[in-house]
Each structure stands twice: as structure tokens, then as C-alpha cells.
PDB file of N, CA and C in Angstrom:
ATOM      1  N   MET A   1      12.543   3.457  13.628  1.00  0.00           N
ATOM      2  CA  MET A   1      11.843   2.671  12.622  1.00  0.00           C
ATOM      3  C   MET A   1      12.415   3.029  11.249  1.00  0.00           C
ATOM      4  N   PRO A   2      12.822   2.022  10.488  1.00  0.00           N
ATOM      5  CA  PRO A   2      13.359   2.299   9.156  1.00  0.00           C
ATOM      6  C   PRO A   2      12.284   2.824   8.213  1.00  0.00           C
ATOM      7  N   THR A   3      12.704   3.545   7.202  1.00  0.00           N
ATOM      8  CA  THR A   3      11.772   4.036   6.192  1.00  0.00           C
ATOM      9  C   THR A   3      12.157   3.468   4.836  1.00  0.00           C
ATOM     10  N   ILE A   4      11.203   3.474   3.927  1.00  0.00           N
ATOM     11  CA  ILE A   4      11.443   2.959   2.581  1.00  0.00           C
ATOM     12  C   ILE A   4      10.602   3.762   1.606  1.00  0.00           C
ATOM     13  N   GLU A   5      11.117   3.913   0.398  1.00  0.00           N
ATOM     14  CA  GLU A   5      10.437   4.748  -0.598  1.00  0.00           C
ATOM     15  C   GLU A   5       9.376   4.007  -1.412  1.00  0.00           C
ATOM     16  N   PHE A   6       9.143   2.745  -1.112  1.00  0.00           N
ATOM     17  CA  PHE A   6       8.160   1.949  -1.845  1.00  0.00           C
ATOM     18  C   PHE A   6       6.876   1.822  -1.036  1.00  0.00           C
ATOM     19  N   SER A   7       5.764   1.630  -1.744  1.00  0.00           N
ATOM     20  CA  SER A   7       4.497   1.414  -1.045  1.00  0.00           C
ATOM     21  C   SER A   7       4.393  -0.055  -0.631  1.00  0.00           C
ATOM     22  N   ALA A   8       3.478  -0.325   0.267  1.00  0.00           N
ATOM     23  CA  ALA A   8       3.271  -1.700   0.734  1.00  0.00           C
ATOM     24  C   ALA A   8       2.880  -2.607  -0.428  1.00  0.00           C
ATOM     25  N   VAL A   9       2.031  -2.113  -1.310  1.00  0.00           N
ATOM     26  CA  VAL A   9       1.582  -2.918  -2.455  1.00  0.00           C
ATOM     27  C   VAL A   9       2.750  -3.213  -3.390  1.00  0.00           C
ATOM     28  N   GLU A  10       3.614  -2.208  -3.630  1.00  0.00           N
ATOM     29  CA  GLU A  10       4.794  -2.432  -4.481  1.00  0.00           C
ATOM     30  C   GLU A  10       5.680  -3.533  -3.902  1.00  0.00           C
ATOM     31  N   ILE A  11       5.929  -3.452  -2.612  1.00  0.00           N
ATOM     32  CA  ILE A  11       6.778  -4.450  -1.954  1.00  0.00           C
ATOM     33  C   ILE A  11       6.135  -5.823  -2.060  1.00  0.00           C
ATOM     34  N   TYR A  12       4.864  -5.888  -1.747  1.00  0.00           N
ATOM     35  CA  TYR A  12       4.146  -7.161  -1.766  1.00  0.00           C
ATOM     36  C   TYR A  12       4.208  -7.797  -3.154  1.00  0.00           C
ATOM     37  N   ARG A  13       3.870  -7.019  -4.182  1.00  0.00           N
ATOM     38  CA  ARG A  13       3.859  -7.548  -5.553  1.00  0.00           C
ATOM     39  C   ARG A  13       5.248  -7.992  -6.000  1.00  0.00           C
ATOM     40  N   GLU A  14       6.232  -7.162  -5.730  1.00  0.00           N
ATOM     41  CA  GLU A  14       7.590  -7.467  -6.183  1.00  0.00           C
ATOM     42  C   GLU A  14       8.131  -8.728  -5.511  1.00  0.00           C
ATOM     43  N   LEU A  15       7.925  -8.853  -4.221  1.00  0.00           N
ATOM     44  CA  LEU A  15       8.457 -10.015  -3.514  1.00  0.00           C
ATOM     45  C   LEU A  15       7.663 -11.290  -3.824  1.00  0.00           C
ATOM     46  N   ILE A  16       6.379 -11.154  -4.129  1.00  0.00           N
ATOM     47  CA  ILE A  16       5.603 -12.317  -4.571  1.00  0.00           C
ATOM     48  C   ILE A  16       6.099 -12.761  -5.950  1.00  0.00           C
ATOM     49  N   ASP A  17       6.363 -11.793  -6.842  1.00  0.00           N
ATOM     50  CA  ASP A  17       6.917 -12.121  -8.159  1.00  0.00           C
ATOM     51  C   ASP A  17       8.243 -12.857  -8.019  1.00  0.00           C
ATOM     52  N   GLU A  18       9.078 -12.395  -7.093  1.00  0.00           N
ATOM     53  CA  GLU A  18      10.362 -13.056  -6.868  1.00  0.00           C
ATOM     54  C   GLU A  18      10.149 -14.497  -6.403  1.00  0.00           C
ATOM     55  N   LYS A  19       9.207 -14.675  -5.495  1.00  0.00           N
ATOM     56  CA  LYS A  19       8.920 -16.005  -4.966  1.00  0.00           C
ATOM     57  C   LYS A  19       8.435 -16.952  -6.072  1.00  0.00           C
ATOM     58  N   LYS A  20       7.718 -16.387  -7.051  1.00  0.00           N
ATOM     59  CA  LYS A  20       7.233 -17.170  -8.187  1.00  0.00           C
ATOM     60  C   LYS A  20       8.333 -17.446  -9.210  1.00  0.00           C
ATOM     61  N   GLY A  21       9.516 -16.817  -9.014  1.00  0.00           N
ATOM     62  CA  GLY A  21      10.626 -17.046  -9.924  1.00  0.00           C
ATOM     63  C   GLY A  21      10.699 -16.079 -11.094  1.00  0.00           C
ATOM     64  N   LYS A  22       9.955 -14.984 -11.042  1.00  0.00           N
ATOM     65  CA  LYS A  22       9.980 -14.002 -12.119  1.00  0.00           C
ATOM     66  C   LYS A  22      11.340 -13.303 -12.135  1.00  0.00           C
ATOM     67  N   PRO A  23      12.039 -13.352 -13.275  1.00  0.00           N
ATOM     68  CA  PRO A  23      13.370 -12.748 -13.347  1.00  0.00           C
ATOM     69  C   PRO A  23      13.312 -11.219 -13.380  1.00  0.00           C
ATOM     70  N   CYS A  24      14.440 -10.605 -13.052  1.00  0.00           N
ATOM     71  CA  CYS A  24      14.561  -9.154 -13.150  1.00  0.00           C
ATOM     72  C   CYS A  24      16.027  -8.795 -13.416  1.00  0.00           C
ATOM     73  N   ASP A  25      16.267  -7.545 -13.760  1.00  0.00           N
ATOM     74  CA  ASP A  25      17.620  -7.092 -14.058  1.00  0.00           C
ATOM     75  C   ASP A  25      18.385  -6.748 -12.778  1.00  0.00           C
ATOM     76  N   GLU A  26      19.618  -6.272 -12.942  1.00  0.00           N
ATOM     77  CA  GLU A  26      20.464  -5.930 -11.780  1.00  0.00           C
ATOM     78  C   GLU A  26      19.797  -4.895 -10.872  1.00  0.00           C
ATOM     79  N   GLU A  27      19.188  -3.893 -11.487  1.00  0.00           N
ATOM     80  CA  GLU A  27      18.509  -2.847 -10.712  1.00  0.00           C
ATOM     81  C   GLU A  27      17.339  -3.438  -9.934  1.00  0.00           C
ATOM     82  N   GLY A  28      16.623  -4.349 -10.573  1.00  0.00           N
ATOM     83  CA  GLY A  28      15.492  -5.015  -9.926  1.00  0.00           C
ATOM     84  C   GLY A  28      15.935  -5.875  -8.758  1.00  0.00           C
ATOM     85  N   ILE A  29      17.081  -6.521  -8.914  1.00  0.00           N
ATOM     86  CA  ILE A  29      17.625  -7.350  -7.820  1.00  0.00           C
ATOM     87  C   ILE A  29      17.961  -6.475  -6.618  1.00  0.00           C
ATOM     88  N   ALA A  30      18.593  -5.330  -6.865  1.00  0.00           N
ATOM     89  CA  ALA A  30      18.933  -4.403  -5.778  1.00  0.00           C
ATOM     90  C   ALA A  30      17.662  -3.897  -5.088  1.00  0.00           C
ATOM     91  N   LYS A  31      16.638  -3.602  -5.891  1.00  0.00           N
ATOM     92  CA  LYS A  31      15.355  -3.128  -5.355  1.00  0.00           C
ATOM     93  C   LYS A  31      14.724  -4.213  -4.481  1.00  0.00           C
ATOM     94  N   ARG A  32      14.713  -5.448  -4.980  1.00  0.00           N
ATOM     95  CA  ARG A  32      14.142  -6.558  -4.208  1.00  0.00           C
ATOM     96  C   ARG A  32      14.900  -6.780  -2.913  1.00  0.00           C
ATOM     97  N   ASN A  33      16.215  -6.695  -2.957  1.00  0.00           N
ATOM     98  CA  ASN A  33      17.007  -6.885  -1.739  1.00  0.00           C
ATOM     99  C   ASN A  33      16.704  -5.810  -0.706  1.00  0.00           C
ATOM    100  N   LYS A  34      16.537  -4.582  -1.162  1.00  0.00           N
ATOM    101  CA  LYS A  34      16.192  -3.481  -0.250  1.00  0.00           C
ATOM    102  C   LYS A  34      14.819  -3.741   0.384  1.00  0.00           C
ATOM    103  N   MET A  35      13.881  -4.201  -0.432  1.00  0.00           N
ATOM    104  CA  MET A  35      12.538  -4.506   0.068  1.00  0.00           C
ATOM    105  C   MET A  35      12.585  -5.654   1.070  1.00  0.00           C
ATOM    106  N   LYS A  36      13.352  -6.706   0.752  1.00  0.00           N
ATOM    107  CA  LYS A  36      13.452  -7.864   1.654  1.00  0.00           C
ATOM    108  C   LYS A  36      14.080  -7.460   2.980  1.00  0.00           C
ATOM    109  N   ASP A  37      15.105  -6.614   2.936  1.00  0.00           N
ATOM    110  CA  ASP A  37      15.737  -6.145   4.172  1.00  0.00           C
ATOM    111  C   ASP A  37      14.738  -5.377   5.032  1.00  0.00           C
ATOM    112  N   PHE A  38      13.930  -4.523   4.396  1.00  0.00           N
ATOM    113  CA  PHE A  38      12.926  -3.753   5.123  1.00  0.00           C
ATOM    114  C   PHE A  38      11.900  -4.672   5.783  1.00  0.00           C
ATOM    115  N   VAL A  39      11.418  -5.655   5.023  1.00  0.00           N
ATOM    116  CA  VAL A  39      10.427  -6.599   5.557  1.00  0.00           C
ATOM    117  C   VAL A  39      11.034  -7.403   6.707  1.00  0.00           C
ATOM    118  N   LYS A  40      12.283  -7.804   6.564  1.00  0.00           N
ATOM    119  CA  LYS A  40      12.946  -8.583   7.621  1.00  0.00           C
ATOM    120  C   LYS A  40      13.050  -7.775   8.916  1.00  0.00           C
ATOM    121  N   VAL A  41      13.413  -6.500   8.798  1.00  0.00           N
ATOM    122  CA  VAL A  41      13.568  -5.654   9.985  1.00  0.00           C
ATOM    123  C   VAL A  41      12.221  -5.308  10.612  1.00  0.00           C
ATOM    124  N   THR A  42      11.242  -4.952   9.801  1.00  0.00           N
ATOM    125  CA  THR A  42       9.963  -4.486  10.349  1.00  0.00           C
ATOM    126  C   THR A  42       8.987  -5.602  10.682  1.00  0.00           C
ATOM    127  N   MET A  43       9.002  -6.670   9.917  1.00  0.00           N
ATOM    128  CA  MET A  43       8.032  -7.758  10.100  1.00  0.00           C
ATOM    129  C   MET A  43       8.655  -9.000  10.746  1.00  0.00           C
ATOM    130  N   LYS A  44       9.960  -8.979  10.946  1.00  0.00           N
ATOM    131  CA  LYS A  44      10.692 -10.091  11.599  1.00  0.00           C
ATOM    132  C   LYS A  44      10.589 -11.407  10.829  1.00  0.00           C
ATOM    133  N   THR A  45      10.460 -11.312   9.493  1.00  0.00           N
ATOM    134  CA  THR A  45      10.428 -12.509   8.652  1.00  0.00           C
ATOM    135  C   THR A  45      10.925 -12.153   7.263  1.00  0.00           C
ATOM    136  N   THR A  46      11.349 -13.156   6.521  1.00  0.00           N
ATOM    137  CA  THR A  46      11.735 -12.943   5.130  1.00  0.00           C
ATOM    138  C   THR A  46      10.692 -13.549   4.193  1.00  0.00           C
ATOM    139  N   GLU A  47       9.665 -14.155   4.753  1.00  0.00           N
ATOM    140  CA  GLU A  47       8.612 -14.794   3.968  1.00  0.00           C
ATOM    141  C   GLU A  47       7.460 -13.815   3.744  1.00  0.00           C
ATOM    142  N   ILE A  48       7.398 -13.230   2.552  1.00  0.00           N
ATOM    143  CA  ILE A  48       6.368 -12.223   2.272  1.00  0.00           C
ATOM    144  C   ILE A  48       4.964 -12.807   2.358  1.00  0.00           C
ATOM    145  N   ASP A  49       4.809 -14.090   2.059  1.00  0.00           N
ATOM    146  CA  ASP A  49       3.471 -14.683   2.119  1.00  0.00           C
ATOM    147  C   ASP A  49       2.970 -14.871   3.552  1.00  0.00           C
ATOM    148  N   LYS A  50       3.817 -14.666   4.534  1.00  0.00           N
ATOM    149  CA  LYS A  50       3.403 -14.748   5.943  1.00  0.00           C
ATOM    150  C   LYS A  50       3.081 -13.373   6.521  1.00  0.00           C
ATOM    151  N   VAL A  51       3.264 -12.326   5.704  1.00  0.00           N
ATOM    152  CA  VAL A  51       3.049 -10.946   6.152  1.00  0.00           C
ATOM    153  C   VAL A  51       1.682 -10.469   5.674  1.00  0.00           C
ATOM    154  N   GLN A  52       0.921  -9.883   6.581  1.00  0.00           N
ATOM    155  CA  GLN A  52      -0.367  -9.295   6.213  1.00  0.00           C
ATOM    156  C   GLN A  52      -0.103  -7.934   5.560  1.00  0.00           C
ATOM    157  N   LEU A  53      -0.761  -7.676   4.438  1.00  0.00           N
ATOM    158  CA  LEU A  53      -0.583  -6.414   3.726  1.00  0.00           C
ATOM    159  C   LEU A  53      -0.893  -5.215   4.635  1.00  0.00           C
ATOM    160  N   ALA A  54      -1.918  -5.332   5.444  1.00  0.00           N
ATOM    161  CA  ALA A  54      -2.287  -4.233   6.348  1.00  0.00           C
ATOM    162  C   ALA A  54      -1.175  -3.941   7.354  1.00  0.00           C
ATOM    163  N   ASP A  55      -0.522  -4.989   7.854  1.00  0.00           N
ATOM    164  CA  ASP A  55       0.581  -4.800   8.801  1.00  0.00           C
ATOM    165  C   ASP A  55       1.767  -4.129   8.124  1.00  0.00           C
ATOM    166  N   LEU A  56       2.058  -4.537   6.891  1.00  0.00           N
ATOM    167  CA  LEU A  56       3.156  -3.942   6.140  1.00  0.00           C
ATOM    168  C   LEU A  56       2.867  -2.472   5.854  1.00  0.00           C
ATOM    169  N   LYS A  57       1.623  -2.190   5.507  1.00  0.00           N
ATOM    170  CA  LYS A  57       1.215  -0.805   5.236  1.00  0.00           C
ATOM    171  C   LYS A  57       1.386   0.060   6.484  1.00  0.00           C
ATOM    172  N   THR A  58       1.009  -0.466   7.630  1.00  0.00           N
ATOM    173  CA  THR A  58       1.174   0.270   8.888  1.00  0.00           C
ATOM    174  C   THR A  58       2.654   0.515   9.182  1.00  0.00           C
ATOM    175  N   ALA A  59       3.507  -0.473   8.898  1.00  0.00           N
ATOM    176  CA  ALA A  59       4.948  -0.324   9.130  1.00  0.00           C
ATOM    177  C   ALA A  59       5.540   0.771   8.253  1.00  0.00           C
ATOM    178  N   ILE A  60       5.006   0.924   7.047  1.00  0.00           N
ATOM    179  CA  ILE A  60       5.534   1.923   6.114  1.00  0.00           C
ATOM    180  C   ILE A  60       4.945   3.300   6.374  1.00  0.00           C
ATOM    181  N   GLU A  61       3.631   3.364   6.513  1.00  0.00           N
ATOM    182  CA  GLU A  61       2.933   4.641   6.593  1.00  0.00           C
ATOM    183  C   GLU A  61       2.663   5.104   8.015  1.00  0.00           C
ATOM    184  N   GLY A  62       2.821   4.232   8.988  1.00  0.00           N
ATOM    185  CA  GLY A  62       2.466   4.579  10.352  1.00  0.00           C
ATOM    186  C   GLY A  62       0.974   4.387  10.545  1.00  0.00           C
ATOM    187  N   GLU A  63       0.530   4.538  11.759  1.00  0.00           N
ATOM    188  CA  GLU A  63      -0.894   4.389  12.031  1.00  0.00           C
ATOM    189  C   GLU A  63      -1.641   5.596  11.507  1.00  0.00           C
ATOM    190  N   GLY A  64      -2.869   5.378  11.083  1.00  0.00           N
ATOM    191  CA  GLY A  64      -3.685   6.456  10.538  1.00  0.00           C
ATOM    192  C   GLY A  64      -4.015   7.507  11.584  1.00  0.00           C
ATOM    193  N   LEU A  65      -4.438   8.650  11.135  1.00  0.00           N
ATOM    194  CA  LEU A  65      -4.771   9.746  12.042  1.00  0.00           C
ATOM    195  C   LEU A  65      -5.910   9.381  12.987  1.00  0.00           C
ATOM    196  N   ILE A  66      -6.841   8.593  12.532  1.00  0.00           N
ATOM    197  CA  ILE A  66      -7.974   8.209  13.371  1.00  0.00           C
ATOM    198  C   ILE A  66      -7.486   7.439  14.601  1.00  0.00           C
ATOM    199  N   LYS A  67      -6.546   6.528  14.412  1.00  0.00           N
ATOM    200  CA  LYS A  67      -6.057   5.733  15.524  1.00  0.00           C
ATOM    201  C   LYS A  67      -5.227   6.546  16.501  1.00  0.00           C
ATOM    202  N   ARG A  68      -4.643   7.640  16.028  1.00  0.00           N
ATOM    203  CA  ARG A  68      -3.793   8.483  16.893  1.00  0.00           C
ATOM    204  C   ARG A  68      -4.611   9.333  17.850  1.00  0.00           C
ATOM    205  N   ILE A  69      -5.836   9.611  17.490  1.00  0.00           N
ATOM    206  CA  ILE A  69      -6.662  10.521  18.294  1.00  0.00           C
ATOM    207  C   ILE A  69      -7.186   9.838  19.527  1.00  0.00           C
TER     208      ILE A  69
END
């Protein structure tokens, strides 16, 4: 399972901003591309609006301790 240094909320907000057409600098473009690649691999889609935040959070953080027991 791939890992990423961003939180689920960061990814969600950034990719929604991109979808709305909000511009960013070169560094921001690289960050967005990394986030999109992660979402594509873990969620099997490039459409952030089709991804549930809870599912993305689970992909990043893993299942909670309660569910593991």
C-alpha cells in the first residue's frame, strides 16, 4: 500500500480546489499531481468528488485500533 505525507482533508481540499480551477504555482502543481497519483492508486479513480473522505482517510491512516481488535 502506498503512503503519502498529506492528510485526507489536505488531499480532498487541494483536489477540489483544482477541480474548481483555482491556480497554483509549480510546487503546488507537483503536490497536486502526487495527490492525484495516490488517489488513483488507492481509490481506483481520478475523480475526487467520487471518493468518500472516510475511505480516503482509511487508505492513508489504515483502519483504527478499534476495528483491528
